[in-house]
Amino acid sequence: MKNWLENEPPIIYWLSGLFFTTAFLTGGKQNFSRKHTIPIDEVDFDFEFFENNDPNSCQSKPEDGSYCRGLFFDGARWDSTVKVLAQPEPKVLFSQAPIIWMKPMQVNLISEYQHYACPVYKTSERWGILATTGHSTNFVMFIRVPSNIEQKHWILAGIALLTQLDS
């Protein structure tokens, strides 16, 4: 954080290390909105998943948005060969998600693909005080994760992304 403040922001943000993740994400949308003079309510994120979590795969910052790391799949895993959400390995409850490019875009230009609208939570408890948004205070956002299995399957399995694992 000190290096970020004194020099420049990192190429890849450690999303789990941020206290108020929602403010960071909103700031990304606001920066895009102002840069391209688009009303912020017409901006949302598209997502691009890297093959792995190797920081060397990102050598420079994206033009818009941010590269983020530090998320974990709860009950599923990322299949880097097919680049889709997959069943977990036997006896493995949590698996590290790859680096994700959070790309702010005008809503009508967001790509269409088969996906699972995966909820992101701060902890595995998945509950908190109900906020004015109608979501738990533990809820961060939905991330569209590419999948070759119907969304209903992942919903029934209770798959989520977490910013931190239990100790």
N, C-alpha and C. Protein backbone atom coordinates (compact mmCIF):
# COMPACT_ATOMS: atom_id res chain seq x y z
N MET A 1 0.83 -1.19 0.00
CA MET A 1 0.00 0.00 0.00
C MET A 1 0.87 1.26 0.00
N LYS A 2 1.94 1.24 0.79
CA LYS A 2 2.83 2.40 0.88
C LYS A 2 3.45 2.68 -0.49
N ASN A 3 3.93 1.64 -1.15
CA ASN A 3 4.53 1.80 -2.48
C ASN A 3 3.49 2.34 -3.47
N TRP A 4 2.28 1.85 -3.37
CA TRP A 4 1.18 2.29 -4.23
C TRP A 4 0.95 3.79 -4.04
N LEU A 5 0.90 4.25 -2.81
CA LEU A 5 0.66 5.66 -2.53
C LEU A 5 1.83 6.57 -2.90
N GLU A 6 3.04 6.10 -2.66
CA GLU A 6 4.22 6.94 -2.90
C GLU A 6 4.69 6.91 -4.35
N ASN A 7 4.46 5.81 -5.05
CA ASN A 7 4.96 5.69 -6.42
C ASN A 7 3.84 5.60 -7.44
N GLU A 8 3.33 4.39 -7.64
CA GLU A 8 2.23 4.20 -8.59
C GLU A 8 1.42 2.97 -8.21
N PRO A 9 0.18 2.90 -8.67
CA PRO A 9 -0.65 1.74 -8.36
C PRO A 9 -0.05 0.47 -8.97
N PRO A 10 -0.36 -0.69 -8.40
CA PRO A 10 0.18 -1.94 -8.93
C PRO A 10 -0.45 -2.31 -10.27
N ILE A 11 0.17 -3.21 -10.98
CA ILE A 11 -0.38 -3.72 -12.23
C ILE A 11 -1.56 -4.64 -11.92
N ILE A 12 -1.39 -5.48 -10.89
CA ILE A 12 -2.43 -6.41 -10.47
C ILE A 12 -2.83 -6.06 -9.04
N TYR A 13 -4.11 -5.82 -8.81
CA TYR A 13 -4.59 -5.47 -7.49
C TYR A 13 -4.93 -6.74 -6.70
N TRP A 14 -4.52 -6.77 -5.46
CA TRP A 14 -4.86 -7.86 -4.57
C TRP A 14 -6.21 -7.51 -3.96
N LEU A 15 -7.27 -7.97 -4.60
CA LEU A 15 -8.63 -7.61 -4.22
C LEU A 15 -8.93 -7.97 -2.76
N SER A 16 -8.40 -9.07 -2.30
CA SER A 16 -8.65 -9.52 -0.93
C SER A 16 -8.03 -8.60 0.11
N GLY A 17 -7.05 -7.83 -0.28
CA GLY A 17 -6.37 -6.95 0.67
C GLY A 17 -7.06 -5.61 0.85
N LEU A 18 -8.10 -5.37 0.11
CA LEU A 18 -8.80 -4.09 0.21
C LEU A 18 -9.91 -4.17 1.26
N PHE A 19 -9.99 -3.17 2.10
CA PHE A 19 -10.99 -3.17 3.16
C PHE A 19 -12.40 -2.97 2.60
N PHE A 20 -12.55 -2.02 1.70
CA PHE A 20 -13.87 -1.71 1.14
C PHE A 20 -13.83 -1.99 -0.37
N THR A 21 -13.94 -3.26 -0.71
CA THR A 21 -13.82 -3.73 -2.09
C THR A 21 -14.82 -3.03 -3.02
N THR A 22 -16.02 -2.82 -2.54
CA THR A 22 -17.06 -2.22 -3.37
C THR A 22 -16.67 -0.81 -3.80
N ALA A 23 -16.03 -0.05 -2.94
CA ALA A 23 -15.60 1.31 -3.30
C ALA A 23 -14.54 1.26 -4.41
N PHE A 24 -13.64 0.31 -4.32
CA PHE A 24 -12.61 0.14 -5.35
C PHE A 24 -13.26 -0.15 -6.71
N LEU A 25 -14.22 -1.07 -6.71
CA LEU A 25 -14.90 -1.44 -7.95
C LEU A 25 -15.73 -0.30 -8.51
N THR A 26 -16.41 0.42 -7.64
CA THR A 26 -17.19 1.58 -8.08
C THR A 26 -16.27 2.64 -8.67
N GLY A 27 -15.11 2.83 -8.04
CA GLY A 27 -14.13 3.78 -8.57
C GLY A 27 -13.68 3.41 -9.97
N GLY A 28 -13.52 2.12 -10.24
CA GLY A 28 -13.15 1.67 -11.58
C GLY A 28 -14.20 2.03 -12.61
N LYS A 29 -15.46 1.86 -12.23
CA LYS A 29 -16.56 2.23 -13.13
C LYS A 29 -16.61 3.75 -13.32
N GLN A 30 -16.40 4.49 -12.23
CA GLN A 30 -16.43 5.96 -12.33
C GLN A 30 -15.32 6.48 -13.23
N ASN A 31 -14.12 5.93 -13.09
CA ASN A 31 -13.00 6.36 -13.94
C ASN A 31 -13.32 6.13 -15.42
N PHE A 32 -13.89 4.96 -15.72
CA PHE A 32 -14.26 4.65 -17.10
C PHE A 32 -15.35 5.60 -17.59
N SER A 33 -16.35 5.80 -16.75
CA SER A 33 -17.47 6.67 -17.09
C SER A 33 -17.00 8.09 -17.43
N ARG A 34 -16.14 8.63 -16.59
CA ARG A 34 -15.63 9.98 -16.82
C ARG A 34 -14.74 10.05 -18.06
N LYS A 35 -13.87 9.06 -18.20
CA LYS A 35 -12.94 9.03 -19.33
C LYS A 35 -13.67 9.01 -20.67
N HIS A 36 -14.75 8.23 -20.74
CA HIS A 36 -15.47 8.05 -22.00
C HIS A 36 -16.78 8.83 -22.05
N THR A 37 -17.01 9.71 -21.08
CA THR A 37 -18.23 10.52 -20.96
C THR A 37 -19.50 9.70 -21.20
N ILE A 38 -19.63 8.63 -20.41
CA ILE A 38 -20.79 7.75 -20.45
C ILE A 38 -21.43 7.82 -19.07
N PRO A 39 -22.75 7.94 -18.98
CA PRO A 39 -23.39 7.92 -17.66
C PRO A 39 -23.03 6.64 -16.90
N ILE A 40 -22.71 6.78 -15.62
CA ILE A 40 -22.25 5.62 -14.84
C ILE A 40 -23.29 4.52 -14.74
N ASP A 41 -24.57 4.86 -14.83
CA ASP A 41 -25.58 3.82 -14.76
C ASP A 41 -25.67 3.01 -16.05
N GLU A 42 -24.88 3.38 -17.06
CA GLU A 42 -24.80 2.62 -18.31
C GLU A 42 -23.49 1.83 -18.38
N VAL A 43 -22.77 1.76 -17.25
CA VAL A 43 -21.49 1.07 -17.19
C VAL A 43 -21.58 -0.11 -16.24
N ASP A 44 -21.03 -1.24 -16.67
CA ASP A 44 -20.91 -2.40 -15.80
C ASP A 44 -19.62 -3.13 -16.19
N PHE A 45 -19.31 -4.18 -15.46
CA PHE A 45 -18.08 -4.93 -15.75
C PHE A 45 -18.33 -6.09 -16.69
N ASP A 46 -17.38 -6.28 -17.59
CA ASP A 46 -17.23 -7.52 -18.31
C ASP A 46 -16.00 -8.16 -17.67
N PHE A 47 -15.80 -9.45 -17.85
CA PHE A 47 -14.71 -10.13 -17.17
C PHE A 47 -13.92 -10.98 -18.14
N GLU A 48 -12.61 -10.94 -17.98
CA GLU A 48 -11.73 -11.80 -18.75
C GLU A 48 -10.84 -12.55 -17.78
N PHE A 49 -10.86 -13.87 -17.88
CA PHE A 49 -10.11 -14.72 -16.97
C PHE A 49 -8.79 -15.14 -17.61
N PHE A 50 -7.72 -14.97 -16.87
CA PHE A 50 -6.41 -15.43 -17.35
C PHE A 50 -6.33 -16.93 -17.14
N GLU A 51 -5.35 -17.56 -17.77
CA GLU A 51 -5.22 -19.01 -17.64
C GLU A 51 -4.86 -19.43 -16.23
N ASN A 52 -4.11 -18.59 -15.52
CA ASN A 52 -3.64 -18.97 -14.18
C ASN A 52 -3.52 -17.74 -13.30
N ASN A 53 -2.85 -17.89 -12.21
CA ASN A 53 -2.69 -16.80 -11.26
C ASN A 53 -1.25 -16.28 -11.26
N ASP A 54 -0.56 -16.44 -12.37
CA ASP A 54 0.84 -16.03 -12.48
C ASP A 54 0.93 -14.53 -12.73
N PRO A 55 1.48 -13.76 -11.78
CA PRO A 55 1.58 -12.31 -11.96
C PRO A 55 2.44 -11.90 -13.16
N ASN A 56 3.31 -12.80 -13.62
CA ASN A 56 4.15 -12.48 -14.78
C ASN A 56 3.36 -12.45 -16.09
N SER A 57 2.12 -12.92 -16.05
CA SER A 57 1.29 -12.90 -17.26
C SER A 57 0.76 -11.49 -17.55
N CYS A 58 0.93 -10.57 -16.62
CA CYS A 58 0.48 -9.18 -16.80
C CYS A 58 1.70 -8.26 -16.64
N GLN A 59 2.16 -7.73 -17.74
CA GLN A 59 3.34 -6.88 -17.70
C GLN A 59 3.03 -5.40 -17.64
N SER A 60 1.82 -5.04 -18.04
CA SER A 60 1.44 -3.63 -17.99
C SER A 60 -0.05 -3.51 -17.64
N LYS A 61 -0.42 -2.33 -17.18
CA LYS A 61 -1.82 -2.09 -16.77
C LYS A 61 -2.72 -2.09 -18.00
N PRO A 62 -3.97 -2.52 -17.83
CA PRO A 62 -4.90 -2.44 -18.95
C PRO A 62 -5.29 -0.98 -19.22
N GLU A 63 -5.73 -0.71 -20.42
CA GLU A 63 -6.18 0.64 -20.79
C GLU A 63 -7.33 1.10 -19.89
N ASP A 64 -8.28 0.20 -19.64
CA ASP A 64 -9.41 0.47 -18.77
C ASP A 64 -9.59 -0.70 -17.81
N GLY A 65 -10.09 -0.43 -16.63
CA GLY A 65 -10.35 -1.48 -15.67
C GLY A 65 -9.10 -1.86 -14.89
N SER A 66 -9.14 -3.06 -14.31
CA SER A 66 -8.02 -3.50 -13.49
C SER A 66 -7.90 -5.01 -13.49
N TYR A 67 -6.65 -5.46 -13.37
CA TYR A 67 -6.38 -6.87 -13.17
C TYR A 67 -6.48 -7.13 -11.67
N CYS A 68 -7.21 -8.17 -11.29
CA CYS A 68 -7.41 -8.47 -9.87
C CYS A 68 -7.07 -9.92 -9.57
N ARG A 69 -6.52 -10.13 -8.38
CA ARG A 69 -6.19 -11.48 -7.93
C ARG A 69 -6.65 -11.63 -6.48
N GLY A 70 -6.55 -12.84 -5.96
CA GLY A 70 -6.82 -13.06 -4.55
C GLY A 70 -8.17 -13.69 -4.25
N LEU A 71 -8.93 -14.08 -5.27
CA LEU A 71 -10.23 -14.71 -5.02
C LEU A 71 -10.09 -16.23 -5.00
N PHE A 72 -11.03 -16.87 -4.32
CA PHE A 72 -11.04 -18.33 -4.21
C PHE A 72 -12.41 -18.86 -4.56
N PHE A 73 -12.45 -19.94 -5.34
CA PHE A 73 -13.71 -20.62 -5.62
C PHE A 73 -14.05 -21.51 -4.43
N ASP A 74 -15.28 -21.45 -4.00
CA ASP A 74 -15.79 -22.30 -2.92
C ASP A 74 -16.66 -23.36 -3.57
N GLY A 75 -16.14 -24.59 -3.65
CA GLY A 75 -16.89 -25.71 -4.21
C GLY A 75 -16.73 -25.92 -5.70
N ALA A 76 -15.82 -25.22 -6.32
CA ALA A 76 -15.56 -25.37 -7.75
C ALA A 76 -14.10 -25.01 -8.01
N ARG A 77 -13.71 -25.03 -9.28
CA ARG A 77 -12.34 -24.64 -9.64
C ARG A 77 -12.34 -24.06 -11.05
N TRP A 78 -11.26 -23.41 -11.39
CA TRP A 78 -11.07 -22.88 -12.74
C TRP A 78 -10.30 -23.91 -13.54
N ASP A 79 -10.83 -24.32 -14.68
CA ASP A 79 -10.13 -25.23 -15.59
C ASP A 79 -9.41 -24.39 -16.62
N SER A 80 -8.10 -24.25 -16.45
CA SER A 80 -7.33 -23.35 -17.31
C SER A 80 -7.13 -23.90 -18.72
N THR A 81 -7.31 -25.20 -18.93
CA THR A 81 -7.17 -25.73 -20.28
C THR A 81 -8.38 -25.41 -21.14
N VAL A 82 -9.57 -25.53 -20.56
CA VAL A 82 -10.80 -25.24 -21.30
C VAL A 82 -11.27 -23.81 -21.05
N LYS A 83 -10.76 -23.19 -20.00
CA LYS A 83 -11.10 -21.82 -19.59
C LYS A 83 -12.57 -21.67 -19.22
N VAL A 84 -13.01 -22.59 -18.34
CA VAL A 84 -14.37 -22.55 -17.82
C VAL A 84 -14.38 -23.00 -16.36
N LEU A 85 -15.47 -22.71 -15.68
CA LEU A 85 -15.70 -23.19 -14.33
C LEU A 85 -15.87 -24.70 -14.39
N ALA A 86 -15.28 -25.40 -13.41
CA ALA A 86 -15.33 -26.86 -13.44
C ALA A 86 -15.62 -27.41 -12.05
N GLN A 87 -15.97 -28.69 -12.03
CA GLN A 87 -16.18 -29.38 -10.76
C GLN A 87 -14.87 -29.37 -9.98
N PRO A 88 -14.95 -29.34 -8.64
CA PRO A 88 -13.71 -29.32 -7.86
C PRO A 88 -12.98 -30.66 -7.93
N GLU A 89 -11.71 -30.63 -7.62
CA GLU A 89 -10.95 -31.88 -7.50
C GLU A 89 -11.47 -32.60 -6.25
N PRO A 90 -11.37 -33.93 -6.21
CA PRO A 90 -11.85 -34.65 -5.03
C PRO A 90 -11.20 -34.14 -3.73
N LYS A 91 -12.01 -33.95 -2.73
CA LYS A 91 -11.59 -33.53 -1.39
C LYS A 91 -10.97 -32.13 -1.33
N VAL A 92 -11.18 -31.33 -2.36
CA VAL A 92 -10.66 -29.96 -2.37
C VAL A 92 -11.85 -29.01 -2.33
N LEU A 93 -12.02 -28.32 -1.21
CA LEU A 93 -13.16 -27.43 -1.04
C LEU A 93 -12.95 -26.07 -1.70
N PHE A 94 -11.73 -25.54 -1.62
CA PHE A 94 -11.43 -24.21 -2.13
C PHE A 94 -10.29 -24.28 -3.14
N SER A 95 -10.39 -23.48 -4.17
CA SER A 95 -9.30 -23.41 -5.15
C SER A 95 -9.11 -21.96 -5.58
N GLN A 96 -7.89 -21.63 -5.86
CA GLN A 96 -7.56 -20.25 -6.21
C GLN A 96 -8.11 -19.91 -7.59
N ALA A 97 -8.74 -18.77 -7.68
CA ALA A 97 -9.24 -18.28 -8.97
C ALA A 97 -8.07 -17.66 -9.74
N PRO A 98 -8.14 -17.63 -11.05
CA PRO A 98 -7.08 -16.99 -11.82
C PRO A 98 -7.18 -15.46 -11.70
N ILE A 99 -6.22 -14.79 -12.27
CA ILE A 99 -6.28 -13.33 -12.36
C ILE A 99 -7.48 -12.99 -13.25
N ILE A 100 -8.24 -12.00 -12.83
CA ILE A 100 -9.44 -11.60 -13.58
C ILE A 100 -9.30 -10.14 -13.99
N TRP A 101 -9.52 -9.88 -15.27
CA TRP A 101 -9.54 -8.50 -15.75
C TRP A 101 -10.96 -7.99 -15.59
N MET A 102 -11.13 -7.04 -14.69
CA MET A 102 -12.43 -6.39 -14.48
C MET A 102 -12.50 -5.24 -15.48
N LYS A 103 -13.22 -5.46 -16.57
CA LYS A 103 -13.26 -4.51 -17.67
C LYS A 103 -14.56 -3.70 -17.64
N PRO A 104 -14.50 -2.44 -17.23
CA PRO A 104 -15.71 -1.63 -17.30
C PRO A 104 -16.06 -1.37 -18.76
N MET A 105 -17.34 -1.50 -19.06
CA MET A 105 -17.80 -1.31 -20.43
C MET A 105 -19.20 -0.73 -20.42
N GLN A 106 -19.56 -0.14 -21.53
CA GLN A 106 -20.94 0.30 -21.71
C GLN A 106 -21.79 -0.97 -21.74
N VAL A 107 -22.88 -0.99 -20.99
CA VAL A 107 -23.69 -2.19 -20.79
C VAL A 107 -24.09 -2.85 -22.11
N ASN A 108 -24.48 -2.07 -23.10
CA ASN A 108 -24.93 -2.66 -24.37
C ASN A 108 -23.79 -3.25 -25.20
N LEU A 109 -22.53 -3.09 -24.77
CA LEU A 109 -21.39 -3.65 -25.49
C LEU A 109 -20.76 -4.85 -24.78
N ILE A 110 -21.31 -5.23 -23.62
CA ILE A 110 -20.76 -6.35 -22.86
C ILE A 110 -20.98 -7.65 -23.64
N SER A 111 -19.95 -8.47 -23.68
CA SER A 111 -20.00 -9.71 -24.47
C SER A 111 -21.00 -10.70 -23.88
N GLU A 112 -21.55 -11.52 -24.76
CA GLU A 112 -22.49 -12.57 -24.37
C GLU A 112 -21.79 -13.92 -24.49
N TYR A 113 -21.86 -14.71 -23.45
CA TYR A 113 -21.31 -16.06 -23.46
C TYR A 113 -21.99 -16.86 -22.36
N GLN A 114 -21.96 -18.19 -22.49
CA GLN A 114 -22.56 -19.02 -21.45
C GLN A 114 -21.73 -18.85 -20.19
N HIS A 115 -22.41 -18.57 -19.08
CA HIS A 115 -21.69 -18.26 -17.85
C HIS A 115 -22.52 -18.61 -16.62
N TYR A 116 -21.85 -18.50 -15.49
CA TYR A 116 -22.50 -18.59 -14.19
C TYR A 116 -22.30 -17.23 -13.53
N ALA A 117 -23.39 -16.60 -13.11
CA ALA A 117 -23.31 -15.33 -12.39
C ALA A 117 -22.92 -15.66 -10.96
N CYS A 118 -21.63 -15.72 -10.72
CA CYS A 118 -21.09 -16.20 -9.45
C CYS A 118 -21.05 -15.08 -8.41
N PRO A 119 -21.71 -15.30 -7.27
CA PRO A 119 -21.65 -14.28 -6.21
C PRO A 119 -20.27 -14.27 -5.57
N VAL A 120 -19.81 -13.08 -5.21
CA VAL A 120 -18.54 -12.92 -4.51
C VAL A 120 -18.85 -12.44 -3.10
N TYR A 121 -18.29 -13.14 -2.13
CA TYR A 121 -18.49 -12.79 -0.73
C TYR A 121 -17.15 -12.51 -0.06
N LYS A 122 -17.17 -11.72 0.99
CA LYS A 122 -15.94 -11.44 1.74
C LYS A 122 -15.48 -12.66 2.51
N THR A 123 -16.41 -13.43 3.08
CA THR A 123 -16.08 -14.63 3.84
C THR A 123 -17.00 -15.77 3.44
N SER A 124 -16.66 -16.96 3.89
CA SER A 124 -17.47 -18.13 3.55
C SER A 124 -18.80 -18.17 4.30
N GLU A 125 -18.97 -17.31 5.29
CA GLU A 125 -20.23 -17.30 6.03
C GLU A 125 -21.39 -16.84 5.16
N ARG A 126 -21.12 -15.99 4.21
CA ARG A 126 -22.10 -15.53 3.22
C ARG A 126 -23.30 -14.81 3.82
N TRP A 127 -23.24 -14.43 5.04
CA TRP A 127 -24.34 -13.69 5.63
C TRP A 127 -23.79 -12.42 6.25
N GLY A 128 -24.66 -11.53 6.52
CA GLY A 128 -24.30 -10.27 7.15
C GLY A 128 -25.58 -9.48 7.38
N ILE A 129 -25.43 -8.24 7.67
CA ILE A 129 -26.58 -7.37 7.88
C ILE A 129 -27.12 -7.00 6.51
N LEU A 130 -28.42 -7.03 6.35
CA LEU A 130 -29.03 -6.67 5.08
C LEU A 130 -28.83 -5.18 4.83
N ALA A 131 -28.19 -4.86 3.73
CA ALA A 131 -27.91 -3.47 3.38
C ALA A 131 -29.07 -2.88 2.57
N THR A 132 -29.01 -1.60 2.31
CA THR A 132 -30.06 -0.93 1.53
C THR A 132 -30.13 -1.46 0.10
N THR A 133 -29.06 -2.12 -0.37
CA THR A 133 -29.07 -2.70 -1.72
C THR A 133 -29.89 -3.97 -1.79
N GLY A 134 -30.27 -4.52 -0.62
CA GLY A 134 -30.98 -5.78 -0.60
C GLY A 134 -30.06 -6.97 -0.48
N HIS A 135 -28.74 -6.72 -0.50
CA HIS A 135 -27.75 -7.78 -0.36
C HIS A 135 -27.16 -7.75 1.04
N SER A 136 -26.51 -8.84 1.40
CA SER A 136 -25.81 -8.93 2.67
C SER A 136 -24.60 -8.00 2.64
N THR A 137 -24.20 -7.51 3.80
CA THR A 137 -22.99 -6.68 3.87
C THR A 137 -21.75 -7.50 3.56
N ASN A 138 -21.88 -8.81 3.51
CA ASN A 138 -20.79 -9.70 3.16
C ASN A 138 -20.68 -9.89 1.65
N PHE A 139 -21.69 -9.48 0.92
CA PHE A 139 -21.74 -9.63 -0.54
C PHE A 139 -20.94 -8.52 -1.20
N VAL A 140 -20.15 -8.88 -2.23
CA VAL A 140 -19.35 -7.89 -2.95
C VAL A 140 -19.96 -7.59 -4.32
N MET A 141 -20.15 -8.60 -5.14
CA MET A 141 -20.65 -8.41 -6.51
C MET A 141 -20.92 -9.77 -7.14
N PHE A 142 -21.45 -9.76 -8.35
CA PHE A 142 -21.55 -10.97 -9.16
C PHE A 142 -20.47 -10.89 -10.23
N ILE A 143 -19.78 -12.00 -10.47
CA ILE A 143 -18.80 -12.10 -11.56
C ILE A 143 -19.30 -13.16 -12.52
N ARG A 144 -19.36 -12.81 -13.78
CA ARG A 144 -19.80 -13.77 -14.81
C ARG A 144 -18.62 -14.69 -15.14
N VAL A 145 -18.72 -15.95 -14.70
CA VAL A 145 -17.64 -16.92 -14.92
C VAL A 145 -18.04 -17.82 -16.09
N PRO A 146 -17.20 -17.90 -17.13
CA PRO A 146 -17.51 -18.79 -18.26
C PRO A 146 -17.76 -20.22 -17.78
N SER A 147 -18.77 -20.85 -18.36
CA SER A 147 -19.13 -22.21 -17.96
C SER A 147 -19.74 -22.94 -19.15
N ASN A 148 -19.44 -24.24 -19.26
CA ASN A 148 -20.10 -25.05 -20.28
C ASN A 148 -21.19 -25.91 -19.67
N ILE A 149 -21.53 -25.61 -18.41
CA ILE A 149 -22.62 -26.28 -17.69
C ILE A 149 -23.67 -25.20 -17.37
N GLU A 150 -24.93 -25.59 -17.40
CA GLU A 150 -26.00 -24.63 -17.11
C GLU A 150 -25.82 -23.96 -15.75
N GLN A 151 -26.22 -22.71 -15.67
CA GLN A 151 -26.10 -21.93 -14.45
C GLN A 151 -26.82 -22.61 -13.28
N LYS A 152 -27.95 -23.25 -13.55
CA LYS A 152 -28.74 -23.91 -12.51
C LYS A 152 -27.90 -24.91 -11.71
N HIS A 153 -27.01 -25.60 -12.38
CA HIS A 153 -26.14 -26.58 -11.72
C HIS A 153 -25.30 -25.92 -10.63
N TRP A 154 -24.70 -24.78 -10.96
CA TRP A 154 -23.81 -24.09 -10.02
C TRP A 154 -24.62 -23.45 -8.89
N ILE A 155 -25.81 -22.96 -9.20
CA ILE A 155 -26.66 -22.37 -8.17
C ILE A 155 -27.03 -23.43 -7.14
N LEU A 156 -27.48 -24.61 -7.61
CA LEU A 156 -27.86 -25.68 -6.70
C LEU A 156 -26.67 -26.18 -5.87
N ALA A 157 -25.47 -26.10 -6.44
CA ALA A 157 -24.27 -26.53 -5.71
C ALA A 157 -23.78 -25.45 -4.74
N GLY A 158 -24.33 -24.25 -4.84
CA GLY A 158 -23.94 -23.17 -3.93
C GLY A 158 -22.55 -22.62 -4.17
N ILE A 159 -22.12 -22.61 -5.42
CA ILE A 159 -20.76 -22.16 -5.76
C ILE A 159 -20.66 -20.65 -5.60
N ALA A 160 -19.55 -20.20 -5.03
CA ALA A 160 -19.31 -18.77 -4.84
C ALA A 160 -17.81 -18.49 -4.94
N LEU A 161 -17.49 -17.23 -5.07
CA LEU A 161 -16.11 -16.77 -4.96
C LEU A 161 -15.98 -16.07 -3.62
N LEU A 162 -14.83 -16.25 -2.98
CA LEU A 162 -14.57 -15.63 -1.68
C LEU A 162 -13.30 -14.79 -1.76
N THR A 163 -13.29 -13.68 -1.02
CA THR A 163 -12.08 -12.86 -0.99
C THR A 163 -11.09 -13.38 0.03
N GLN A 164 -11.56 -14.21 0.99
CA GLN A 164 -10.64 -14.77 1.98
C GLN A 164 -11.16 -16.12 2.46
N LEU A 165 -10.23 -16.95 2.87
CA LEU A 165 -10.59 -18.25 3.41
C LEU A 165 -10.63 -18.19 4.93
N ASP A 166 -11.37 -19.11 5.53
CA ASP A 166 -11.45 -19.17 6.99
C ASP A 166 -10.11 -19.62 7.55
N SER A 167 -9.80 -19.13 8.75
CA SER A 167 -8.53 -19.53 9.36
C SER A 167 -8.68 -20.76 10.22
